[in-house]
Each structure stands twice: as structure tokens, then as C-alpha cells.
């Protein structure tokens, strides 16, 4: 059950990163090659790091909640829901940072 929670959280976090990545591509329309390229590289690494961190966090949270006497479905679903919310927020912050990075490199 712990691995299931971690894997589902990591995969769904990557899905959120890809969806928000398309919006980042639209936002970076018009930047020169180098500025946009580095921003995309940054966001890809950011999205993968967020997915790994939240997958591990979900695994550990499910492991901790599993030691309590809570229902098994709740033990798996609660960390997944929390990691989805944190993934959306984290990847949105990554989009903002990538946009700022592209803008600062474009002005040079």
C-alpha cells in the first residue's frame, strides 16, 4: 500500500507537470531560443524533482498512517490528495521561476 501511494503520487505529479509545461510553452512564446531553452530545461528538472520528492513524501506519509488504525483506503488516498495539491502549487511556482528566468536572460 505504501508503494502504491508513492507511485501514484509521483505519476500524477508528472502528469500535472506536463500539463502545466504546455502552458509554460505558451507563455514562453516570443522569447529567443537560448532564453526559452534554459527556462524549459529548468522546468523539466523542477517537475521531475517535485515528482520524486512528493512520491517519497507520499510513501512515507502512507507508511506512517498505516501504523495507525485508520482505514486502508484513507491511508492511501490522503497522501495522494495532499501530494496532488502540493504538486500543483510547486509546479506553478516552477512556471513562474522559469518565466522570470527567461525574461531576465532575454533582456541581456
C-alpha atoms as a PDB file:
ATOM      1  CA  UNK A   1       0.000   0.000   0.000  1.00  0.00           C
ATOM      2  CA  UNK A   2       2.874   2.375   0.743  1.00  0.00           C
ATOM      3  CA  UNK A   3       4.494   1.826  -2.634  1.00  0.00           C
ATOM      4  CA  UNK A   4       1.153   2.244  -4.362  1.00  0.00           C
ATOM      5  CA  UNK A   5       0.668   5.642  -2.754  1.00  0.00           C
ATOM      6  CA  UNK A   6       4.178   6.786  -3.671  1.00  0.00           C
ATOM      7  CA  UNK A   7       3.994   5.587  -7.265  1.00  0.00           C
ATOM      8  CA  UNK A   8       0.548   7.050  -7.903  1.00  0.00           C
ATOM      9  CA  UNK A   9       1.620  10.376  -6.393  1.00  0.00           C
ATOM     10  CA  UNK A  10       4.786  10.529  -8.497  1.00  0.00           C
ATOM     11  CA  UNK A  11       2.990   9.639 -11.726  1.00  0.00           C
ATOM     12  CA  UNK A  12       0.158  12.119 -11.143  1.00  0.00           C
ATOM     13  CA  UNK A  13       2.701  14.788 -10.242  1.00  0.00           C
ATOM     14  CA  UNK A  14       4.460  14.186 -13.559  1.00  0.00           C
ATOM     15  CA  UNK A  15       1.117  14.460 -15.354  1.00  0.00           C
ATOM     16  CA  UNK A  16       0.463  17.807 -13.674  1.00  0.00           C
ATOM     17  CA  UNK A  17       3.991  18.938 -14.611  1.00  0.00           C
ATOM     18  CA  UNK A  18       3.400  18.043 -18.273  1.00  0.00           C
ATOM     19  CA  UNK A  19       0.037  19.824 -18.372  1.00  0.00           C
ATOM     20  CA  UNK A  20       1.473  22.960 -16.796  1.00  0.00           C
ATOM     21  CA  UNK A  21       4.505  22.620 -19.082  1.00  0.00           C
ATOM     22  CA  UNK A  22       2.259  23.176 -22.092  1.00  0.00           C
ATOM     23  CA  UNK A  23       1.050  26.402 -20.513  1.00  0.00           C
ATOM     24  CA  UNK A  24       4.684  27.373 -19.942  1.00  0.00           C
ATOM     25  CA  UNK A  25       5.397  26.808 -23.625  1.00  0.00           C
ATOM     26  CA  UNK A  26       2.552  29.158 -24.490  1.00  0.00           C
ATOM     27  CA  UNK A  27       3.869  31.722 -22.001  1.00  0.00           C
ATOM     28  CA  UNK A  28       7.375  31.484 -23.474  1.00  0.00           C
ATOM     29  CA  UNK A  29       6.162  32.137 -26.995  1.00  0.00           C
ATOM     30  CA  UNK A  30       8.190  35.023 -28.376  1.00  0.00           C
ATOM     31  CA  UNK A  31      11.361  34.558 -26.333  1.00  0.00           C
ATOM     32  CA  UNK A  32      14.608  33.922 -28.157  1.00  0.00           C
ATOM     33  CA  UNK A  33      15.997  30.410 -28.406  1.00  0.00           C
ATOM     34  CA  UNK A  34      18.512  30.474 -25.570  1.00  0.00           C
ATOM     35  CA  UNK A  35      16.273  32.231 -23.033  1.00  0.00           C
ATOM     36  CA  UNK A  36      13.336  29.943 -23.647  1.00  0.00           C
ATOM     37  CA  UNK A  37      15.528  26.868 -23.895  1.00  0.00           C
ATOM     38  CA  UNK A  38      17.096  27.314 -20.458  1.00  0.00           C
ATOM     39  CA  UNK A  39      13.697  28.069 -18.931  1.00  0.00           C
ATOM     40  CA  UNK A  40      12.307  24.814 -20.360  1.00  0.00           C
ATOM     41  CA  UNK A  41      15.317  22.848 -19.090  1.00  0.00           C
ATOM     42  CA  UNK A  42      14.864  24.348 -15.653  1.00  0.00           C
ATOM     43  CA  UNK A  43      11.167  23.493 -15.601  1.00  0.00           C
ATOM     44  CA  UNK A  44      11.766  19.878 -16.691  1.00  0.00           C
ATOM     45  CA  UNK A  45      14.283  19.353 -13.881  1.00  0.00           C
ATOM     46  CA  UNK A  46      11.953  21.170 -11.440  1.00  0.00           C
ATOM     47  CA  UNK A  47       8.976  18.992 -12.414  1.00  0.00           C
ATOM     48  CA  UNK A  48      10.948  15.753 -12.067  1.00  0.00           C
ATOM     49  CA  UNK A  49      12.354  16.851  -8.700  1.00  0.00           C
ATOM     50  CA  UNK A  50       8.885  17.767  -7.421  1.00  0.00           C
ATOM     51  CA  UNK A  51       7.523  14.395  -8.570  1.00  0.00           C
ATOM     52  CA  UNK A  52      10.310  12.464  -6.835  1.00  0.00           C
ATOM     53  CA  UNK A  53      10.067  14.466  -3.609  1.00  0.00           C
ATOM     54  CA  UNK A  54       6.290  14.174  -3.432  1.00  0.00           C
ATOM     55  CA  UNK A  55       6.408  10.466  -4.300  1.00  0.00           C
ATOM     56  CA  UNK A  56       8.815   9.826  -1.438  1.00  0.00           C
ATOM     57  CA  UNK A  57       6.765  12.044   0.861  1.00  0.00           C
ATOM     58  CA  UNK A  58       3.579  10.214  -0.044  1.00  0.00           C
ATOM     59  CA  UNK A  59       5.276   6.866   0.570  1.00  0.00           C
ATOM     60  CA  UNK A  60       6.483   7.977   3.995  1.00  0.00           C
ATOM     61  CA  UNK A  61       3.115   9.504   4.904  1.00  0.00           C
ATOM     62  CA  UNK A  62       1.299   6.305   3.914  1.00  0.00           C
ATOM     63  CA  UNK A  63       3.802   4.291   5.927  1.00  0.00           C
ATOM     64  CA  UNK A  64       3.197   6.491   8.962  1.00  0.00           C
ATOM     65  CA  UNK A  65      -0.581   6.480   8.571  1.00  0.00           C
ATOM     66  CA  UNK A  66      -0.530   2.723   8.058  1.00  0.00           C
ATOM     67  CA  UNK A  67       0.813   2.264  11.576  1.00  0.00           C
ATOM     68  CA  UNK A  68      -2.300   3.918  12.935  1.00  0.00           C
ATOM     69  CA  UNK A  69      -5.620   2.117  12.984  1.00  0.00           C
ATOM     70  CA  UNK A  70      -7.136   4.079  10.112  1.00  0.00           C
ATOM     71  CA  UNK A  71      -8.915   2.569   7.134  1.00  0.00           C
ATOM     72  CA  UNK A  72      -6.565   1.326   4.381  1.00  0.00           C
ATOM     73  CA  UNK A  73      -8.239   3.371   1.631  1.00  0.00           C
ATOM     74  CA  UNK A  74      -7.848   6.533   3.698  1.00  0.00           C
ATOM     75  CA  UNK A  75      -4.197   5.696   4.326  1.00  0.00           C
ATOM     76  CA  UNK A  76      -3.560   5.596   0.565  1.00  0.00           C
ATOM     77  CA  UNK A  77      -5.858   8.387  -0.614  1.00  0.00           C
ATOM     78  CA  UNK A  78      -4.946  11.116   1.872  1.00  0.00           C
ATOM     79  CA  UNK A  79      -1.237  11.328   0.890  1.00  0.00           C
ATOM     80  CA  UNK A  80      -2.182  11.212  -2.794  1.00  0.00           C
ATOM     81  CA  UNK A  81      -4.628  14.113  -2.463  1.00  0.00           C
ATOM     82  CA  UNK A  82      -2.160  16.185  -0.453  1.00  0.00           C
ATOM     83  CA  UNK A  83       0.634  15.470  -2.931  1.00  0.00           C
ATOM     84  CA  UNK A  84      -1.589  16.487  -5.858  1.00  0.00           C
ATOM     85  CA  UNK A  85      -2.289  19.842  -4.233  1.00  0.00           C
ATOM     86  CA  UNK A  86       1.390  20.370  -3.418  1.00  0.00           C
ATOM     87  CA  UNK A  87       2.361  19.302  -6.933  1.00  0.00           C
ATOM     88  CA  UNK A  88       0.058  21.875  -8.489  1.00  0.00           C
ATOM     89  CA  UNK A  89       1.422  24.618  -6.262  1.00  0.00           C
ATOM     90  CA  UNK A  90       5.047  23.535  -6.704  1.00  0.00           C
ATOM     91  CA  UNK A  91       4.851  23.250 -10.464  1.00  0.00           C
ATOM     92  CA  UNK A  92       3.073  26.600 -10.718  1.00  0.00           C
ATOM     93  CA  UNK A  93       5.933  28.160  -8.743  1.00  0.00           C
ATOM     94  CA  UNK A  94       8.328  26.442 -11.151  1.00  0.00           C
ATOM     95  CA  UNK A  95       6.480  28.005 -14.084  1.00  0.00           C
ATOM     96  CA  UNK A  96       6.798  31.448 -12.538  1.00  0.00           C
ATOM     97  CA  UNK A  97      10.516  30.977 -11.852  1.00  0.00           C
ATOM     98  CA  UNK A  98      11.087  29.691 -15.404  1.00  0.00           C
ATOM     99  CA  UNK A  99       9.264  32.712 -16.813  1.00  0.00           C
ATOM    100  CA  UNK A 100      11.327  35.086 -14.708  1.00  0.00           C
ATOM    101  CA  UNK A 101      14.473  33.241 -15.760  1.00  0.00           C
ATOM    102  CA  UNK A 102      13.593  33.540 -19.448  1.00  0.00           C
ATOM    103  CA  UNK A 103      12.725  37.210 -19.076  1.00  0.00           C
ATOM    104  CA  UNK A 104      15.974  38.037 -17.306  1.00  0.00           C
ATOM    105  CA  UNK A 105      18.039  36.151 -19.887  1.00  0.00           C
ATOM    106  CA  UNK A 106      16.147  37.705 -22.785  1.00  0.00           C
ATOM    107  CA  UNK A 107      16.935  41.258 -21.676  1.00  0.00           C
ATOM    108  CA  UNK A 108      20.707  40.640 -21.745  1.00  0.00           C
END
